[in-house]
Amino acid sequence: MLDGVFNALYQFQVSFSFLLLSAIGLAVIFGMMGVINLAHGEFMMLGAYITTIVATAGVPVPLAMLLGALGVGLFGAIVEILVVRRLYGRLLDSVAATWAVGLILSQGMLILTGPSMQGISSPFGSFSVGATSYSWYRVVLGVIALVLLGSLYLVFMKTRYGLRARATIQNPAIAQALGVDTARMYTITFALGSALAGLAGGLFAPTATIVPFFGTNYIVEAFVTVIVGGANALVGTPIAAMLLGAVNAALGTEFGLYIGRVGLLLTTILIIRVLPDGISGLLDRWRMRPTGTRSGK
């Protein structure tokens, strides 16, 4: 009985952490900038490759992951300056442009490194509960996901950058009139979202085979998590990751991974049908209701 309960909780936190880590960078760029970054999966792949190459060279794995995030963040800043900046307000054009960037990255990595690369081993061992063995590293990923979420909240809600970034998103013209360098804010935000994608790729590197199409394993779940969460990345995305993670873990544990993914996608369709603005949109509408109406008086 206890073994089954622990297994269910373990599978839930694994599914939640993978969904949140893979989606949070995409959510920052979409929620703060309104840009759909179709190169997000390739940014994750780039982070995984940088982490693996640097770790193989003898650098400690945690430092290699941070260097991977930094490298992808710098690359994201370049992409924003050279490509995305010219396409704000042109949604389809920005989608096509980031898709092209993703294709260049994946095909370029295939040419440079071949179809696969030797990965890195998990930094931690395993433990057993009953007759089942579990990975310590996947537990650590859950802790990292929560720490990262809390750190992002502090960055966007308690720092000068966060204040200026939110002002830029809400009304760019007024923010610029008040002296905010909106172009710089967009670059920093896109770089941050890219770095988060690179960090996710580096964190996932010990759990998967490193191939040029590494990001395709996570991109669908990342997109549906962001869509279900809505525009508020810091509120909607973690709630969506919890909800979809619970569905995926429950069905996946009972019926297999394929059924778990199908259930996740069907849940996404149902939520979008009922809540077209996502979970954060529902919460925003609830907060704006008069106090008496909210309390049912």
C-alpha atoms as a PDB file:
ATOM      1  CA  MET A   1       0.000   0.000   0.000  1.00  0.00           C
ATOM      2  CA  LEU A   2       2.680   2.488   1.064  1.00  0.00           C
ATOM      3  CA  ASP A   3       4.851   1.430  -1.870  1.00  0.00           C
ATOM      4  CA  GLY A   4       2.024   2.268  -4.268  1.00  0.00           C
ATOM      5  CA  VAL A   5       1.383   5.654  -2.651  1.00  0.00           C
ATOM      6  CA  PHE A   6       5.076   6.556  -2.786  1.00  0.00           C
ATOM      7  CA  ASN A   7       5.316   5.451  -6.416  1.00  0.00           C
ATOM      8  CA  ALA A   8       2.328   7.631  -7.337  1.00  0.00           C
ATOM      9  CA  LEU A   9       3.829  10.659  -5.566  1.00  0.00           C
ATOM     10  CA  TYR A  10       7.220  10.035  -7.159  1.00  0.00           C
ATOM     11  CA  GLN A  11       5.770   9.766 -10.659  1.00  0.00           C
ATOM     12  CA  PHE A  12       3.747  12.945 -10.091  1.00  0.00           C
ATOM     13  CA  GLN A  13       6.736  15.014  -8.988  1.00  0.00           C
ATOM     14  CA  VAL A  14       8.811  13.694 -11.902  1.00  0.00           C
ATOM     15  CA  SER A  15       6.096  14.594 -14.413  1.00  0.00           C
ATOM     16  CA  PHE A  16       5.535  17.993 -12.758  1.00  0.00           C
ATOM     17  CA  SER A  17       9.228  18.896 -12.697  1.00  0.00           C
ATOM     18  CA  PHE A  18       9.807  17.886 -16.323  1.00  0.00           C
ATOM     19  CA  LEU A  19       6.767  19.854 -17.490  1.00  0.00           C
ATOM     20  CA  LEU A  20       7.651  22.952 -15.474  1.00  0.00           C
ATOM     21  CA  LEU A  21      11.351  22.977 -16.372  1.00  0.00           C
ATOM     22  CA  SER A  22      10.682  22.439 -20.074  1.00  0.00           C
ATOM     23  CA  ALA A  23       7.907  25.061 -20.198  1.00  0.00           C
ATOM     24  CA  ILE A  24       9.098  27.905 -17.981  1.00  0.00           C
ATOM     25  CA  GLY A  25      11.483  29.467 -20.521  1.00  0.00           C
ATOM     26  CA  LEU A  26       8.828  29.333 -23.215  1.00  0.00           C
ATOM     27  CA  ALA A  27       6.303  30.799 -20.774  1.00  0.00           C
ATOM     28  CA  VAL A  28       8.574  33.745 -19.936  1.00  0.00           C
ATOM     29  CA  ILE A  29       9.036  34.648 -23.609  1.00  0.00           C
ATOM     30  CA  PHE A  30       5.383  34.156 -24.523  1.00  0.00           C
ATOM     31  CA  GLY A  31       3.884  35.658 -21.367  1.00  0.00           C
ATOM     32  CA  MET A  32       6.206  38.664 -21.164  1.00  0.00           C
ATOM     33  CA  MET A  33       6.729  39.336 -24.881  1.00  0.00           C
ATOM     34  CA  GLY A  34       3.844  37.684 -26.736  1.00  0.00           C
ATOM     35  CA  VAL A  35       6.312  35.811 -28.957  1.00  0.00           C
ATOM     36  CA  ILE A  36       5.831  32.119 -29.765  1.00  0.00           C
ATOM     37  CA  ASN A  37       9.379  30.761 -29.899  1.00  0.00           C
ATOM     38  CA  LEU A  38       9.284  27.661 -32.089  1.00  0.00           C
ATOM     39  CA  ALA A  39      13.044  27.266 -31.590  1.00  0.00           C
ATOM     40  CA  HIS A  40      12.476  26.529 -27.891  1.00  0.00           C
ATOM     41  CA  GLY A  41      13.116  22.805 -28.313  1.00  0.00           C
ATOM     42  CA  GLU A  42      16.329  23.496 -30.207  1.00  0.00           C
ATOM     43  CA  PHE A  43      17.444  25.894 -27.464  1.00  0.00           C
ATOM     44  CA  MET A  44      16.962  23.014 -25.026  1.00  0.00           C
ATOM     45  CA  MET A  45      18.978  20.781 -27.348  1.00  0.00           C
ATOM     46  CA  LEU A  46      21.755  23.375 -27.522  1.00  0.00           C
ATOM     47  CA  GLY A  47      21.869  23.539 -23.729  1.00  0.00           C
ATOM     48  CA  ALA A  48      22.113  19.754 -23.525  1.00  0.00           C
ATOM     49  CA  TYR A  49      24.970  19.678 -26.044  1.00  0.00           C
ATOM     50  CA  ILE A  50      26.935  22.468 -24.353  1.00  0.00           C
ATOM     51  CA  THR A  51      26.469  20.812 -20.964  1.00  0.00           C
ATOM     52  CA  THR A  52      27.603  17.432 -22.276  1.00  0.00           C
ATOM     53  CA  ILE A  53      30.635  18.784 -24.137  1.00  0.00           C
ATOM     54  CA  VAL A  54      31.787  20.911 -21.200  1.00  0.00           C
ATOM     55  CA  ALA A  55      31.202  18.126 -18.650  1.00  0.00           C
ATOM     56  CA  THR A  56      33.077  15.632 -20.841  1.00  0.00           C
ATOM     57  CA  ALA A  57      36.016  18.060 -20.852  1.00  0.00           C
ATOM     58  CA  GLY A  58      36.271  17.676 -17.076  1.00  0.00           C
ATOM     59  CA  VAL A  59      34.154  20.545 -15.769  1.00  0.00           C
ATOM     60  CA  PRO A  60      31.853  19.592 -12.841  1.00  0.00           C
ATOM     61  CA  VAL A  61      28.372  18.770 -14.096  1.00  0.00           C
ATOM     62  CA  PRO A  62      26.513  21.520 -12.142  1.00  0.00           C
ATOM     63  CA  LEU A  63      28.899  24.160 -13.488  1.00  0.00           C
ATOM     64  CA  ALA A  64      28.576  22.693 -16.992  1.00  0.00           C
ATOM     65  CA  MET A  65      24.795  23.074 -16.752  1.00  0.00           C
ATOM     66  CA  LEU A  66      25.124  26.726 -15.731  1.00  0.00           C
ATOM     67  CA  LEU A  67      27.562  27.359 -18.583  1.00  0.00           C
ATOM     68  CA  GLY A  68      25.093  25.714 -20.965  1.00  0.00           C
ATOM     69  CA  ALA A  69      22.336  28.033 -19.755  1.00  0.00           C
ATOM     70  CA  LEU A  70      24.629  31.053 -20.114  1.00  0.00           C
ATOM     71  CA  GLY A  71      25.662  30.055 -23.636  1.00  0.00           C
ATOM     72  CA  VAL A  72      22.078  29.573 -24.794  1.00  0.00           C
ATOM     73  CA  GLY A  73      21.061  32.842 -23.132  1.00  0.00           C
ATOM     74  CA  LEU A  74      23.733  34.738 -25.072  1.00  0.00           C
ATOM     75  CA  PHE A  75      22.662  33.009 -28.273  1.00  0.00           C
ATOM     76  CA  GLY A  76      19.046  33.949 -27.541  1.00  0.00           C
ATOM     77  CA  ALA A  77      20.032  37.598 -27.129  1.00  0.00           C
ATOM     78  CA  ILE A  78      21.679  37.499 -30.564  1.00  0.00           C
ATOM     79  CA  VAL A  79      18.573  35.897 -32.095  1.00  0.00           C
ATOM     80  CA  GLU A  80      16.361  38.588 -30.548  1.00  0.00           C
ATOM     81  CA  ILE A  81      18.542  41.426 -31.841  1.00  0.00           C
ATOM     82  CA  LEU A  82      19.040  40.058 -35.350  1.00  0.00           C
ATOM     83  CA  VAL A  83      15.729  38.295 -36.003  1.00  0.00           C
ATOM     84  CA  VAL A  84      12.896  38.659 -33.503  1.00  0.00           C
ATOM     85  CA  ARG A  85      13.226  42.408 -32.886  1.00  0.00           C
ATOM     86  CA  ARG A  86      12.177  43.184 -36.445  1.00  0.00           C
ATOM     87  CA  LEU A  87       9.042  41.067 -36.185  1.00  0.00           C
ATOM     88  CA  TYR A  88       7.208  42.331 -33.077  1.00  0.00           C
ATOM     89  CA  GLY A  89       3.509  42.633 -33.786  1.00  0.00           C
ATOM     90  CA  ARG A  90       3.789  40.183 -36.691  1.00  0.00           C
ATOM     91  CA  LEU A  91       2.903  36.908 -35.019  1.00  0.00           C
ATOM     92  CA  LEU A  92       3.021  34.605 -38.036  1.00  0.00           C
ATOM     93  CA  ASP A  93       6.290  36.098 -39.240  1.00  0.00           C
ATOM     94  CA  SER A  94       7.921  35.633 -35.833  1.00  0.00           C
ATOM     95  CA  VAL A  95       6.650  32.047 -35.670  1.00  0.00           C
ATOM     96  CA  ALA A  96       8.119  31.303 -39.099  1.00  0.00           C
ATOM     97  CA  ALA A  97      11.406  33.014 -38.226  1.00  0.00           C
ATOM     98  CA  THR A  98      11.922  31.137 -34.951  1.00  0.00           C
ATOM     99  CA  TRP A  99      10.950  27.889 -36.691  1.00  0.00           C
ATOM    100  CA  ALA A 100      13.679  28.579 -39.252  1.00  0.00           C
ATOM    101  CA  VAL A 101      16.185  29.246 -36.463  1.00  0.00           C
ATOM    102  CA  GLY A 102      15.241  25.915 -34.914  1.00  0.00           C
ATOM    103  CA  LEU A 103      15.738  24.073 -38.198  1.00  0.00           C
ATOM    104  CA  ILE A 104      19.153  25.666 -38.677  1.00  0.00           C
ATOM    105  CA  LEU A 105      20.198  24.650 -35.163  1.00  0.00           C
ATOM    106  CA  SER A 106      19.049  21.037 -35.406  1.00  0.00           C
ATOM    107  CA  GLN A 107      20.396  20.437 -38.903  1.00  0.00           C
ATOM    108  CA  GLY A 108      23.620  22.268 -38.109  1.00  0.00           C
ATOM    109  CA  MET A 109      24.179  20.155 -35.000  1.00  0.00           C
ATOM    110  CA  LEU A 110      23.474  17.005 -37.025  1.00  0.00           C
ATOM    111  CA  ILE A 111      26.165  17.993 -39.536  1.00  0.00           C
ATOM    112  CA  LEU A 112      28.701  19.008 -36.875  1.00  0.00           C
ATOM    113  CA  THR A 113      28.320  16.200 -34.337  1.00  0.00           C
ATOM    114  CA  GLY A 114      26.541  13.363 -36.122  1.00  0.00           C
ATOM    115  CA  PRO A 115      23.312  11.590 -35.191  1.00  0.00           C
ATOM    116  CA  SER A 116      24.097  11.226 -31.473  1.00  0.00           C
ATOM    117  CA  MET A 117      26.579  12.057 -28.743  1.00  0.00           C
ATOM    118  CA  GLN A 118      27.701  10.094 -25.728  1.00  0.00           C
ATOM    119  CA  GLY A 119      25.797  11.507 -22.793  1.00  0.00           C
ATOM    120  CA  ILE A 120      26.724  12.113 -19.177  1.00  0.00           C
ATOM    121  CA  SER A 121      25.819   9.852 -16.301  1.00  0.00           C
ATOM    122  CA  SER A 122      23.429  10.870 -13.563  1.00  0.00           C
ATOM    123  CA  PRO A 123      25.184  12.842 -10.807  1.00  0.00           C
ATOM    124  CA  PHE A 124      23.372  10.832  -8.121  1.00  0.00           C
ATOM    125  CA  GLY A 125      22.580   7.205  -7.490  1.00  0.00           C
ATOM    126  CA  SER A 126      19.303   5.496  -6.733  1.00  0.00           C
ATOM    127  CA  PHE A 127      17.304   4.401  -3.709  1.00  0.00           C
ATOM    128  CA  SER A 128      14.710   1.715  -3.146  1.00  0.00           C
ATOM    129  CA  VAL A 129      11.273   1.695  -1.616  1.00  0.00           C
ATOM    130  CA  GLY A 130      10.007  -1.829  -1.348  1.00  0.00           C
ATOM    131  CA  ALA A 131      10.994  -3.709  -4.485  1.00  0.00           C
ATOM    132  CA  THR A 132      11.138  -0.609  -6.692  1.00  0.00           C
ATOM    133  CA  SER A 133      14.253   1.456  -7.400  1.00  0.00           C
ATOM    134  CA  TYR A 134      14.022   5.234  -7.845  1.00  0.00           C
ATOM    135  CA  SER A 135      16.435   7.885  -9.123  1.00  0.00           C
ATOM    136  CA  TRP A 136      17.696  10.491  -6.675  1.00  0.00           C
ATOM    137  CA  TYR A 137      18.450  12.812  -9.573  1.00  0.00           C
ATOM    138  CA  ARG A 138      14.810  12.968 -10.633  1.00  0.00           C
ATOM    139  CA  VAL A 139      13.893  13.936  -7.077  1.00  0.00           C
ATOM    140  CA  VAL A 140      16.532  16.676  -7.198  1.00  0.00           C
ATOM    141  CA  LEU A 141      14.984  17.939 -10.452  1.00  0.00           C
ATOM    142  CA  GLY A 142      11.736  18.511  -8.576  1.00  0.00           C
ATOM    143  CA  VAL A 143      13.544  20.593  -5.956  1.00  0.00           C
ATOM    144  CA  ILE A 144      15.366  22.566  -8.666  1.00  0.00           C
ATOM    145  CA  ALA A 145      12.053  23.271 -10.428  1.00  0.00           C
ATOM    146  CA  LEU A 146      10.560  24.767  -7.254  1.00  0.00           C
ATOM    147  CA  VAL A 147      13.691  26.798  -6.453  1.00  0.00           C
ATOM    148  CA  LEU A 148      13.778  28.106 -10.022  1.00  0.00           C
ATOM    149  CA  LEU A 149      10.114  29.098  -9.874  1.00  0.00           C
ATOM    150  CA  GLY A 150      10.639  30.963  -6.606  1.00  0.00           C
ATOM    151  CA  SER A 151      13.709  32.706  -8.003  1.00  0.00           C
ATOM    152  CA  LEU A 152      11.795  33.869 -11.073  1.00  0.00           C
ATOM    153  CA  TYR A 153       9.036  35.233  -8.867  1.00  0.00           C
ATOM    154  CA  LEU A 154      11.577  37.288  -6.922  1.00  0.00           C
ATOM    155  CA  VAL A 155      13.210  38.518 -10.137  1.00  0.00           C
ATOM    156  CA  PHE A 156       9.973  39.682 -11.745  1.00  0.00           C
ATOM    157  CA  MET A 157       8.203  40.958  -8.630  1.00  0.00           C
ATOM    158  CA  LYS A 158      10.965  42.315  -6.400  1.00  0.00           C
ATOM    159  CA  THR A 159      13.672  43.740  -8.679  1.00  0.00           C
ATOM    160  CA  ARG A 160      14.001  46.864 -10.789  1.00  0.00           C
ATOM    161  CA  TYR A 161      14.345  44.729 -13.911  1.00  0.00           C
ATOM    162  CA  GLY A 162      11.104  42.928 -13.091  1.00  0.00           C
ATOM    163  CA  LEU A 163       9.256  46.213 -12.597  1.00  0.00           C
ATOM    164  CA  ARG A 164      10.535  47.596 -15.895  1.00  0.00           C
ATOM    165  CA  ALA A 165       9.850  44.342 -17.734  1.00  0.00           C
ATOM    166  CA  ARG A 166       6.249  44.221 -16.508  1.00  0.00           C
ATOM    167  CA  ALA A 167       5.759  47.883 -17.381  1.00  0.00           C
ATOM    168  CA  THR A 168       7.113  47.237 -20.873  1.00  0.00           C
ATOM    169  CA  ILE A 169       4.701  44.371 -21.416  1.00  0.00           C
ATOM    170  CA  GLN A 170       1.651  46.232 -20.097  1.00  0.00           C
ATOM    171  CA  ASN A 171       2.224  49.452 -22.050  1.00  0.00           C
ATOM    172  CA  PRO A 172       5.457  49.806 -24.058  1.00  0.00           C
ATOM    173  CA  ALA A 173       4.738  53.396 -25.150  1.00  0.00           C
ATOM    174  CA  ILE A 174       4.228  54.711 -21.616  1.00  0.00           C
ATOM    175  CA  ALA A 175       7.198  52.711 -20.317  1.00  0.00           C
ATOM    176  CA  GLN A 176       9.396  54.217 -23.007  1.00  0.00           C
ATOM    177  CA  ALA A 177       8.097  57.706 -22.227  1.00  0.00           C
ATOM    178  CA  LEU A 178       9.105  57.157 -18.589  1.00  0.00           C
ATOM    179  CA  GLY A 179      12.661  56.376 -19.626  1.00  0.00           C
ATOM    180  CA  VAL A 180      12.589  52.585 -19.883  1.00  0.00           C
ATOM    181  CA  ASP A 181      14.747  51.189 -22.676  1.00  0.00           C
ATOM    182  CA  THR A 182      12.089  48.823 -24.008  1.00  0.00           C
ATOM    183  CA  ALA A 183      14.346  47.327 -26.683  1.00  0.00           C
ATOM    184  CA  ARG A 184      16.852  46.381 -23.994  1.00  0.00           C
ATOM    185  CA  MET A 185      14.077  44.916 -21.834  1.00  0.00           C
ATOM    186  CA  TYR A 186      12.914  42.719 -24.713  1.00  0.00           C
ATOM    187  CA  THR A 187      16.466  41.518 -25.341  1.00  0.00           C
ATOM    188  CA  ILE A 188      17.071  40.677 -21.686  1.00  0.00           C
ATOM    189  CA  THR A 189      13.722  38.898 -21.374  1.00  0.00           C
ATOM    190  CA  PHE A 190      14.267  36.834 -24.521  1.00  0.00           C
ATOM    191  CA  ALA A 191      17.776  35.981 -23.320  1.00  0.00           C
ATOM    192  CA  LEU A 192      16.373  34.937 -19.928  1.00  0.00           C
ATOM    193  CA  GLY A 193      13.766  32.678 -21.519  1.00  0.00           C
ATOM    194  CA  SER A 194      16.430  31.192 -23.783  1.00  0.00           C
ATOM    195  CA  ALA A 195      18.762  30.607 -20.824  1.00  0.00           C
ATOM    196  CA  LEU A 196      15.956  28.813 -18.983  1.00  0.00           C
ATOM    197  CA  ALA A 197      15.467  26.576 -22.027  1.00  0.00           C
ATOM    198  CA  GLY A 198      19.203  25.876 -22.115  1.00  0.00           C
ATOM    199  CA  LEU A 199      19.212  25.115 -18.392  1.00  0.00           C
ATOM    200  CA  ALA A 200      16.324  22.682 -18.843  1.00  0.00           C
ATOM    201  CA  GLY A 201      18.214  20.938 -21.638  1.00  0.00           C
ATOM    202  CA  GLY A 202      21.307  20.671 -19.463  1.00  0.00           C
ATOM    203  CA  LEU A 203      19.292  19.336 -16.530  1.00  0.00           C
ATOM    204  CA  PHE A 204      17.645  16.735 -18.753  1.00  0.00           C
ATOM    205  CA  ALA A 205      20.948  15.664 -20.369  1.00  0.00           C
ATOM    206  CA  PRO A 206      21.698  12.922 -17.788  1.00  0.00           C
ATOM    207  CA  THR A 207      18.224  11.437 -18.314  1.00  0.00           C
ATOM    208  CA  ALA A 208      18.130  11.108 -22.122  1.00  0.00           C
ATOM    209  CA  THR A 209      20.116  10.338 -25.256  1.00  0.00           C
ATOM    210  CA  ILE A 210      21.783  13.452 -26.683  1.00  0.00           C
ATOM    211  CA  VAL A 211      20.693  13.831 -30.315  1.00  0.00           C
ATOM    212  CA  PRO A 212      20.137  16.860 -32.599  1.00  0.00           C
ATOM    213  CA  PHE A 213      16.373  16.447 -32.213  1.00  0.00           C
ATOM    214  CA  PHE A 214      16.611  16.210 -28.418  1.00  0.00           C
ATOM    215  CA  GLY A 215      14.108  19.029 -27.897  1.00  0.00           C
ATOM    216  CA  THR A 216      11.296  17.301 -29.766  1.00  0.00           C
ATOM    217  CA  ASN A 217      10.904  14.958 -26.772  1.00  0.00           C
ATOM    218  CA  TYR A 218       9.705  17.881 -24.658  1.00  0.00           C
ATOM    219  CA  ILE A 219       8.406  20.627 -26.933  1.00  0.00           C
ATOM    220  CA  VAL A 220       4.802  19.416 -27.267  1.00  0.00           C
ATOM    221  CA  GLU A 221       4.345  19.084 -23.505  1.00  0.00           C
ATOM    222  CA  ALA A 222       6.019  22.464 -22.990  1.00  0.00           C
ATOM    223  CA  PHE A 223       3.660  24.195 -25.421  1.00  0.00           C
ATOM    224  CA  VAL A 224       0.499  22.649 -24.004  1.00  0.00           C
ATOM    225  CA  THR A 225       1.606  23.517 -20.460  1.00  0.00           C
ATOM    226  CA  VAL A 226       2.071  27.164 -21.445  1.00  0.00           C
ATOM    227  CA  ILE A 227      -1.251  27.248 -23.306  1.00  0.00           C
ATOM    228  CA  VAL A 228      -3.154  25.736 -20.389  1.00  0.00           C
ATOM    229  CA  GLY A 229      -1.395  28.075 -17.957  1.00  0.00           C
ATOM    230  CA  GLY A 230      -2.261  31.220 -19.889  1.00  0.00           C
ATOM    231  CA  ALA A 231      -0.417  34.516 -20.255  1.00  0.00           C
ATOM    232  CA  ASN A 232       0.746  34.838 -16.632  1.00  0.00           C
ATOM    233  CA  ALA A 233       3.863  32.667 -16.683  1.00  0.00           C
ATOM    234  CA  LEU A 234       4.570  32.794 -12.956  1.00  0.00           C
ATOM    235  CA  VAL A 235       1.048  31.799 -11.918  1.00  0.00           C
ATOM    236  CA  GLY A 236      -0.525  29.775 -14.696  1.00  0.00           C
ATOM    237  CA  THR A 237       2.426  27.661 -15.822  1.00  0.00           C
ATOM    238  CA  PRO A 238       3.166  25.941 -12.470  1.00  0.00           C
ATOM    239  CA  ILE A 239      -0.532  25.265 -11.870  1.00  0.00           C
ATOM    240  CA  ALA A 240      -0.843  23.823 -15.379  1.00  0.00           C
ATOM    241  CA  ALA A 241       2.272  21.704 -14.799  1.00  0.00           C
ATOM    242  CA  MET A 242       0.750  20.345 -11.579  1.00  0.00           C
ATOM    243  CA  LEU A 243      -2.591  19.545 -13.204  1.00  0.00           C
ATOM    244  CA  LEU A 244      -1.196  18.015 -16.388  1.00  0.00           C
ATOM    245  CA  GLY A 245       1.542  16.272 -14.427  1.00  0.00           C
ATOM    246  CA  ALA A 246      -1.051  14.621 -12.199  1.00  0.00           C
ATOM    247  CA  VAL A 247      -3.025  13.385 -15.220  1.00  0.00           C
ATOM    248  CA  ASN A 248       0.093  12.169 -17.011  1.00  0.00           C
ATOM    249  CA  ALA A 249       1.462  10.420 -13.927  1.00  0.00           C
ATOM    250  CA  ALA A 250      -1.816   8.754 -12.965  1.00  0.00           C
ATOM    251  CA  LEU A 251      -2.625   7.426 -16.425  1.00  0.00           C
ATOM    252  CA  GLY A 252       1.001   6.669 -17.274  1.00  0.00           C
ATOM    253  CA  THR A 253       1.547   4.633 -14.118  1.00  0.00           C
ATOM    254  CA  GLU A 254      -1.652   2.660 -14.575  1.00  0.00           C
ATOM    255  CA  PHE A 255      -1.803   2.217 -18.355  1.00  0.00           C
ATOM    256  CA  GLY A 256       1.623   3.120 -19.759  1.00  0.00           C
ATOM    257  CA  LEU A 257       3.439   6.210 -21.047  1.00  0.00           C
ATOM    258  CA  TYR A 258       1.480   6.406 -24.307  1.00  0.00           C
ATOM    259  CA  ILE A 259      -1.888   6.554 -22.543  1.00  0.00           C
ATOM    260  CA  GLY A 260      -0.441   9.103 -20.130  1.00  0.00           C
ATOM    261  CA  ARG A 261       0.491  11.427 -23.004  1.00  0.00           C
ATOM    262  CA  VAL A 262      -2.882  10.935 -24.672  1.00  0.00           C
ATOM    263  CA  GLY A 263      -4.608  11.815 -21.415  1.00  0.00           C
ATOM    264  CA  LEU A 264      -2.436  14.912 -21.071  1.00  0.00           C
ATOM    265  CA  LEU A 265      -3.394  16.125 -24.544  1.00  0.00           C
ATOM    266  CA  LEU A 266      -7.094  15.374 -24.050  1.00  0.00           C
ATOM    267  CA  THR A 267      -7.032  17.270 -20.756  1.00  0.00           C
ATOM    268  CA  THR A 268      -5.413  20.190 -22.562  1.00  0.00           C
ATOM    269  CA  ILE A 269      -8.167  20.237 -25.185  1.00  0.00           C
ATOM    270  CA  LEU A 270     -10.857  20.144 -22.492  1.00  0.00           C
ATOM    271  CA  ILE A 271      -9.313  22.980 -20.472  1.00  0.00           C
ATOM    272  CA  ILE A 272      -8.800  25.181 -23.534  1.00  0.00           C
ATOM    273  CA  ARG A 273     -12.410  24.561 -24.529  1.00  0.00           C
ATOM    274  CA  VAL A 274     -13.664  25.649 -21.101  1.00  0.00           C
ATOM    275  CA  LEU A 275     -10.968  28.260 -20.341  1.00  0.00           C
ATOM    276  CA  PRO A 276      -9.770  29.828 -23.614  1.00  0.00           C
ATOM    277  CA  ASP A 277      -7.610  32.317 -21.640  1.00  0.00           C
ATOM    278  CA  GLY A 278      -6.013  29.547 -19.626  1.00  0.00           C
ATOM    279  CA  ILE A 279      -5.836  29.037 -15.890  1.00  0.00           C
ATOM    280  CA  SER A 280      -4.228  32.410 -15.198  1.00  0.00           C
ATOM    281  CA  GLY A 281      -7.005  34.119 -17.172  1.00  0.00           C
ATOM    282  CA  LEU A 282      -9.583  32.492 -14.908  1.00  0.00           C
ATOM    283  CA  LEU A 283      -7.667  33.593 -11.809  1.00  0.00           C
ATOM    284  CA  ASP A 284      -7.395  37.152 -13.133  1.00  0.00           C
ATOM    285  CA  ARG A 285     -11.151  37.324 -13.739  1.00  0.00           C
ATOM    286  CA  TRP A 286     -11.805  35.955 -10.258  1.00  0.00           C
ATOM    287  CA  ARG A 287      -9.514  38.554  -8.645  1.00  0.00           C
ATOM    288  CA  MET A 288     -11.255  41.392 -10.503  1.00  0.00           C
ATOM    289  CA  ARG A 289     -14.700  40.407  -9.233  1.00  0.00           C
ATOM    290  CA  PRO A 290     -16.204  42.588  -6.483  1.00  0.00           C
ATOM    291  CA  THR A 291     -15.466  41.285  -2.991  1.00  0.00           C
ATOM    292  CA  GLY A 292     -19.116  40.666  -2.214  1.00  0.00           C
ATOM    293  CA  THR A 293     -19.636  38.682  -5.401  1.00  0.00           C
ATOM    294  CA  ARG A 294     -16.460  36.679  -4.804  1.00  0.00           C
ATOM    295  CA  SER A 295     -17.543  35.653  -1.321  1.00  0.00           C
ATOM    296  CA  GLY A 296     -20.988  34.712  -2.564  1.00  0.00           C
ATOM    297  CA  LYS A 297     -22.849  37.491  -0.718  1.00  0.00           C
END
